[in-house]
Amino acid sequence: MGLTLHKGRPENADGRLEKEIRVYDLLDELGLEYHRVDHAPAMTMEVCKEIDEALGALICKNLFLCNRQKTRFYLLMMPEDKPFKTKELSAQIQSARLSFAEPSFMERYLDITPGSVSVMGLMNDKDNQVQLLVDEDVLKREYLGCHPCINTSSLKLRTQDVFGVFLKHTHHEMKVVHLEGLV
């Protein structure tokens, strides 16, 4: 693929979506340092692994979930190599019957479409409809990778900046969960 690591926002915003530019604007406003890789749409974890290598950061598996009644919504961030077991997570957050939320809810609350799910979408959740769940292993990394609300770019940010400065600004809190790895 031959990916190039750039520091900060793109010099030219032509052809980029407004929601992507809003991410760069916010990161710059908060004074957070970040690096960026532009690439073809990252629709699989295999493509994300190549992007991880270019970024030098873990791109998390991000799952947008809801309860059976579709009244509670969750953004789960976990290492890409861990399996997702609904029962395991449900017990930790006291929510039975978790499932993947419909794309319409993802767009309504996070202004993100499938394949672009990212913690950055929380900046668009002004009414705090989405609870952030973070596997404890994500917090052990110095850097993490995420999409700027679109899956044709990926960002490298300090983990402490995302879960500190960024979350504080968005008025979201995270709940740390423990998901078992591969046996």
C-alpha atoms as a PDB file:
ATOM      1  CA  MET A   1       0.000   0.000   0.000  1.00  0.00           C
ATOM      2  CA  GLY A   2       2.939   2.388   0.679  1.00  0.00           C
ATOM      3  CA  LEU A   3       1.352   4.554   3.362  1.00  0.00           C
ATOM      4  CA  THR A   4       2.840   7.902   4.367  1.00  0.00           C
ATOM      5  CA  LEU A   5       2.685   9.288   7.899  1.00  0.00           C
ATOM      6  CA  HIS A   6       1.846  13.017   8.058  1.00  0.00           C
ATOM      7  CA  LYS A   7       1.923  15.281  11.097  1.00  0.00           C
ATOM      8  CA  GLY A   8      -1.388  17.036  11.733  1.00  0.00           C
ATOM      9  CA  ARG A   9      -4.225  17.953   9.419  1.00  0.00           C
ATOM     10  CA  PRO A  10      -4.140  17.768   5.624  1.00  0.00           C
ATOM     11  CA  GLU A  11      -2.805  20.892   3.937  1.00  0.00           C
ATOM     12  CA  ASN A  12      -5.721  20.865   1.519  1.00  0.00           C
ATOM     13  CA  ALA A  13      -9.295  20.030   2.572  1.00  0.00           C
ATOM     14  CA  ASP A  14     -10.568  19.540  -0.998  1.00  0.00           C
ATOM     15  CA  GLY A  15     -12.561  16.338  -1.319  1.00  0.00           C
ATOM     16  CA  ARG A  16     -12.727  15.777   2.428  1.00  0.00           C
ATOM     17  CA  LEU A  17     -15.996  15.606   4.317  1.00  0.00           C
ATOM     18  CA  GLU A  18     -16.971  18.346   6.762  1.00  0.00           C
ATOM     19  CA  LYS A  19     -17.163  15.836   9.638  1.00  0.00           C
ATOM     20  CA  GLU A  20     -13.512  14.877   9.035  1.00  0.00           C
ATOM     21  CA  ILE A  21     -12.408  18.514   9.006  1.00  0.00           C
ATOM     22  CA  ARG A  22     -14.344  19.104  12.265  1.00  0.00           C
ATOM     23  CA  VAL A  23     -12.204  16.404  13.910  1.00  0.00           C
ATOM     24  CA  TYR A  24      -8.986  18.174  12.859  1.00  0.00           C
ATOM     25  CA  ASP A  25     -10.409  21.514  13.988  1.00  0.00           C
ATOM     26  CA  LEU A  26     -11.226  20.120  17.435  1.00  0.00           C
ATOM     27  CA  LEU A  27      -7.894  18.339  17.885  1.00  0.00           C
ATOM     28  CA  ASP A  28      -6.074  21.547  16.910  1.00  0.00           C
ATOM     29  CA  GLU A  29      -8.294  23.631  19.222  1.00  0.00           C
ATOM     30  CA  LEU A  30      -7.492  21.251  22.114  1.00  0.00           C
ATOM     31  CA  GLY A  31      -3.772  21.459  21.313  1.00  0.00           C
ATOM     32  CA  LEU A  32      -3.457  17.703  20.822  1.00  0.00           C
ATOM     33  CA  GLU A  33      -0.610  16.384  18.702  1.00  0.00           C
ATOM     34  CA  TYR A  34      -1.590  13.791  16.125  1.00  0.00           C
ATOM     35  CA  HIS A  35      -0.296  12.068  13.029  1.00  0.00           C
ATOM     36  CA  ARG A  36      -2.339  10.988  10.024  1.00  0.00           C
ATOM     37  CA  VAL A  37      -2.237   8.354   7.313  1.00  0.00           C
ATOM     38  CA  ASP A  38      -4.516   8.650   4.274  1.00  0.00           C
ATOM     39  CA  HIS A  39      -5.547   5.393   2.627  1.00  0.00           C
ATOM     40  CA  ALA A  40      -8.219   3.527   0.707  1.00  0.00           C
ATOM     41  CA  PRO A  41     -11.346   2.738   2.754  1.00  0.00           C
ATOM     42  CA  ALA A  42     -10.366   0.552   5.696  1.00  0.00           C
ATOM     43  CA  MET A  43     -13.212  -1.941   5.811  1.00  0.00           C
ATOM     44  CA  THR A  44     -11.378  -4.928   7.300  1.00  0.00           C
ATOM     45  CA  MET A  45      -9.056  -5.517  10.238  1.00  0.00           C
ATOM     46  CA  GLU A  46      -6.446  -6.866   7.774  1.00  0.00           C
ATOM     47  CA  VAL A  47      -6.240  -3.458   6.080  1.00  0.00           C
ATOM     48  CA  CYS A  48      -6.152  -1.852   9.517  1.00  0.00           C
ATOM     49  CA  LYS A  49      -3.091  -3.926  10.446  1.00  0.00           C
ATOM     50  CA  GLU A  50      -1.124  -2.346   7.600  1.00  0.00           C
ATOM     51  CA  ILE A  51      -2.314   1.065   8.748  1.00  0.00           C
ATOM     52  CA  ASP A  52      -1.311   0.182  12.350  1.00  0.00           C
ATOM     53  CA  GLU A  53       2.219  -0.461  11.122  1.00  0.00           C
ATOM     54  CA  ALA A  54       2.380   2.874   9.279  1.00  0.00           C
ATOM     55  CA  LEU A  55       1.000   4.715  12.311  1.00  0.00           C
ATOM     56  CA  GLY A  56       3.001   2.828  14.913  1.00  0.00           C
ATOM     57  CA  ALA A  57      -0.200   2.549  16.947  1.00  0.00           C
ATOM     58  CA  LEU A  58      -2.969   0.108  17.709  1.00  0.00           C
ATOM     59  CA  ILE A  59      -6.143   0.745  15.756  1.00  0.00           C
ATOM     60  CA  CYS A  60      -8.914  -0.424  18.013  1.00  0.00           C
ATOM     61  CA  LYS A  61     -11.829  -2.563  17.041  1.00  0.00           C
ATOM     62  CA  ASN A  62     -14.775  -0.205  17.570  1.00  0.00           C
ATOM     63  CA  LEU A  63     -18.210  -1.720  17.961  1.00  0.00           C
ATOM     64  CA  PHE A  64     -21.433   0.281  18.139  1.00  0.00           C
ATOM     65  CA  LEU A  65     -23.861  -1.658  20.298  1.00  0.00           C
ATOM     66  CA  CYS A  66     -27.305  -1.284  21.842  1.00  0.00           C
ATOM     67  CA  ASN A  67     -29.599  -3.052  24.256  1.00  0.00           C
ATOM     68  CA  ARG A  68     -32.587  -5.042  23.016  1.00  0.00           C
ATOM     69  CA  GLN A  69     -34.971  -2.114  23.561  1.00  0.00           C
ATOM     70  CA  LYS A  70     -32.687   0.214  21.566  1.00  0.00           C
ATOM     71  CA  THR A  71     -32.723   2.710  24.425  1.00  0.00           C
ATOM     72  CA  ARG A  72     -29.061   2.433  25.497  1.00  0.00           C
ATOM     73  CA  PHE A  73     -26.147   2.765  23.095  1.00  0.00           C
ATOM     74  CA  TYR A  74     -22.513   1.848  23.607  1.00  0.00           C
ATOM     75  CA  LEU A  75     -19.247   2.409  21.780  1.00  0.00           C
ATOM     76  CA  LEU A  76     -16.876  -0.420  22.670  1.00  0.00           C
ATOM     77  CA  MET A  77     -13.146   0.037  22.037  1.00  0.00           C
ATOM     78  CA  MET A  78     -11.088  -3.119  22.209  1.00  0.00           C
ATOM     79  CA  PRO A  79      -7.842  -4.521  20.792  1.00  0.00           C
ATOM     80  CA  GLU A  80      -8.403  -5.946  17.324  1.00  0.00           C
ATOM     81  CA  ASP A  81      -7.097  -9.361  18.324  1.00  0.00           C
ATOM     82  CA  LYS A  82      -9.649  -9.967  21.087  1.00  0.00           C
ATOM     83  CA  PRO A  83     -12.902 -11.728  20.324  1.00  0.00           C
ATOM     84  CA  PHE A  84     -16.154  -9.995  21.229  1.00  0.00           C
ATOM     85  CA  LYS A  85     -18.373 -12.071  23.475  1.00  0.00           C
ATOM     86  CA  THR A  86     -21.729 -10.461  24.142  1.00  0.00           C
ATOM     87  CA  LYS A  87     -22.367 -12.373  27.360  1.00  0.00           C
ATOM     88  CA  GLU A  88     -19.019 -11.358  28.828  1.00  0.00           C
ATOM     89  CA  LEU A  89     -19.652  -7.649  28.227  1.00  0.00           C
ATOM     90  CA  SER A  90     -23.356  -7.710  29.126  1.00  0.00           C
ATOM     91  CA  ALA A  91     -22.562  -8.956  32.628  1.00  0.00           C
ATOM     92  CA  GLN A  92     -20.094  -6.122  33.238  1.00  0.00           C
ATOM     93  CA  ILE A  93     -22.455  -3.338  32.215  1.00  0.00           C
ATOM     94  CA  GLN A  94     -25.672  -4.903  33.524  1.00  0.00           C
ATOM     95  CA  SER A  95     -27.353  -4.884  30.139  1.00  0.00           C
ATOM     96  CA  ALA A  96     -28.902  -8.030  28.790  1.00  0.00           C
ATOM     97  CA  ARG A  97     -29.085  -8.833  25.113  1.00  0.00           C
ATOM     98  CA  LEU A  98     -26.517  -6.536  23.555  1.00  0.00           C
ATOM     99  CA  SER A  99     -26.453  -6.446  19.774  1.00  0.00           C
ATOM    100  CA  PHE A 100     -25.010  -4.343  16.994  1.00  0.00           C
ATOM    101  CA  ALA A 101     -26.943  -1.098  16.660  1.00  0.00           C
ATOM    102  CA  GLU A 102     -28.499  -0.128  13.360  1.00  0.00           C
ATOM    103  CA  PRO A 103     -26.496   2.279  11.174  1.00  0.00           C
ATOM    104  CA  SER A 104     -29.230   4.912  11.516  1.00  0.00           C
ATOM    105  CA  PHE A 105     -28.462   5.235  15.254  1.00  0.00           C
ATOM    106  CA  MET A 106     -24.737   5.454  14.516  1.00  0.00           C
ATOM    107  CA  GLU A 107     -25.388   8.320  12.115  1.00  0.00           C
ATOM    108  CA  ARG A 108     -27.863  10.044  14.439  1.00  0.00           C
ATOM    109  CA  TYR A 109     -25.669  10.027  17.544  1.00  0.00           C
ATOM    110  CA  LEU A 110     -22.097   9.944  16.220  1.00  0.00           C
ATOM    111  CA  ASP A 111     -22.401  11.276  12.633  1.00  0.00           C
ATOM    112  CA  ILE A 112     -20.526   8.166  11.491  1.00  0.00           C
ATOM    113  CA  THR A 113     -21.328   5.483   8.942  1.00  0.00           C
ATOM    114  CA  PRO A 114     -20.437   1.767   9.198  1.00  0.00           C
ATOM    115  CA  GLY A 115     -16.728   1.143   8.721  1.00  0.00           C
ATOM    116  CA  SER A 116     -15.828   4.544  10.185  1.00  0.00           C
ATOM    117  CA  VAL A 117     -16.771   3.976  13.842  1.00  0.00           C
ATOM    118  CA  SER A 118     -14.371   5.857  16.083  1.00  0.00           C
ATOM    119  CA  VAL A 119     -14.047   7.459  19.489  1.00  0.00           C
ATOM    120  CA  MET A 120     -13.844  10.767  17.581  1.00  0.00           C
ATOM    121  CA  GLY A 121     -17.583  10.420  16.876  1.00  0.00           C
ATOM    122  CA  LEU A 122     -18.284  11.233  20.529  1.00  0.00           C
ATOM    123  CA  MET A 123     -17.626  14.896  19.674  1.00  0.00           C
ATOM    124  CA  ASN A 124     -20.946  14.753  17.771  1.00  0.00           C
ATOM    125  CA  ASP A 125     -22.900  13.157  20.644  1.00  0.00           C
ATOM    126  CA  LYS A 126     -23.908  16.412  22.326  1.00  0.00           C
ATOM    127  CA  ASP A 127     -26.677  14.770  24.409  1.00  0.00           C
ATOM    128  CA  ASN A 128     -24.501  11.923  25.702  1.00  0.00           C
ATOM    129  CA  GLN A 129     -26.630   9.167  24.239  1.00  0.00           C
ATOM    130  CA  VAL A 130     -23.612   6.863  23.808  1.00  0.00           C
ATOM    131  CA  GLN A 131     -21.695   5.288  26.705  1.00  0.00           C
ATOM    132  CA  LEU A 132     -17.997   4.674  25.971  1.00  0.00           C
ATOM    133  CA  LEU A 133     -16.731   1.236  27.007  1.00  0.00           C
ATOM    134  CA  VAL A 134     -12.971   0.641  26.842  1.00  0.00           C
ATOM    135  CA  ASP A 135     -11.198  -2.668  27.273  1.00  0.00           C
ATOM    136  CA  GLU A 136      -8.446  -2.249  29.862  1.00  0.00           C
ATOM    137  CA  ASP A 137      -5.766  -3.407  27.403  1.00  0.00           C
ATOM    138  CA  VAL A 138      -6.418  -0.367  25.172  1.00  0.00           C
ATOM    139  CA  LEU A 139      -5.372   1.880  28.066  1.00  0.00           C
ATOM    140  CA  LYS A 140      -1.986   0.149  28.382  1.00  0.00           C
ATOM    141  CA  ARG A 141      -0.766   1.475  25.034  1.00  0.00           C
ATOM    142  CA  GLU A 142       1.037   4.812  24.683  1.00  0.00           C
ATOM    143  CA  TYR A 143      -0.708   5.525  21.381  1.00  0.00           C
ATOM    144  CA  LEU A 144      -3.918   4.496  19.710  1.00  0.00           C
ATOM    145  CA  GLY A 145      -5.178   4.804  16.197  1.00  0.00           C
ATOM    146  CA  CYS A 146      -8.659   5.840  15.140  1.00  0.00           C
ATOM    147  CA  HIS A 147     -10.533   7.230  12.188  1.00  0.00           C
ATOM    148  CA  PRO A 148     -11.421  10.937  11.992  1.00  0.00           C
ATOM    149  CA  CYS A 149     -15.108   9.980  11.471  1.00  0.00           C
ATOM    150  CA  ILE A 150     -14.283   8.643   7.993  1.00  0.00           C
ATOM    151  CA  ASN A 151     -12.461   5.433   7.054  1.00  0.00           C
ATOM    152  CA  THR A 152     -10.139   6.898   4.421  1.00  0.00           C
ATOM    153  CA  SER A 153      -7.781   8.383   7.015  1.00  0.00           C
ATOM    154  CA  SER A 154      -6.444   7.159  10.329  1.00  0.00           C
ATOM    155  CA  LEU A 155      -4.999   9.134  13.217  1.00  0.00           C
ATOM    156  CA  LYS A 156      -2.341   8.380  15.811  1.00  0.00           C
ATOM    157  CA  LEU A 157      -2.950  10.063  19.151  1.00  0.00           C
ATOM    158  CA  ARG A 158      -1.587   9.675  22.651  1.00  0.00           C
ATOM    159  CA  THR A 159      -3.902   7.369  24.558  1.00  0.00           C
ATOM    160  CA  GLN A 160      -3.840   9.701  27.569  1.00  0.00           C
ATOM    161  CA  ASP A 161      -4.896  12.649  25.366  1.00  0.00           C
ATOM    162  CA  VAL A 162      -7.891  10.761  23.983  1.00  0.00           C
ATOM    163  CA  PHE A 163      -9.111   9.473  27.342  1.00  0.00           C
ATOM    164  CA  GLY A 164      -8.231  12.668  29.156  1.00  0.00           C
ATOM    165  CA  VAL A 165      -8.431  15.941  27.239  1.00  0.00           C
ATOM    166  CA  PHE A 166     -10.671  14.756  24.381  1.00  0.00           C
ATOM    167  CA  LEU A 167     -13.231  12.912  26.540  1.00  0.00           C
ATOM    168  CA  LYS A 168     -13.381  15.760  29.038  1.00  0.00           C
ATOM    169  CA  HIS A 169     -14.129  18.181  26.206  1.00  0.00           C
ATOM    170  CA  THR A 170     -16.914  15.960  24.838  1.00  0.00           C
ATOM    171  CA  HIS A 171     -18.407  15.512  28.340  1.00  0.00           C
ATOM    172  CA  HIS A 172     -18.177  11.734  28.088  1.00  0.00           C
ATOM    173  CA  GLU A 173     -16.847   9.313  30.647  1.00  0.00           C
ATOM    174  CA  MET A 174     -15.511   5.880  29.915  1.00  0.00           C
ATOM    175  CA  LYS A 175     -16.293   2.650  31.661  1.00  0.00           C
ATOM    176  CA  VAL A 176     -13.322   0.297  31.694  1.00  0.00           C
ATOM    177  CA  VAL A 177     -14.196  -3.329  30.972  1.00  0.00           C
ATOM    178  CA  HIS A 178     -12.223  -6.551  30.980  1.00  0.00           C
ATOM    179  CA  LEU A 179     -12.587  -8.767  27.916  1.00  0.00           C
ATOM    180  CA  GLU A 180     -10.825 -12.108  27.763  1.00  0.00           C
ATOM    181  CA  GLY A 181      -8.285 -12.589  25.033  1.00  0.00           C
ATOM    182  CA  LEU A 182      -7.831 -15.647  22.847  1.00  0.00           C
ATOM    183  CA  VAL A 183      -7.376 -18.848  24.779  1.00  0.00           C
END
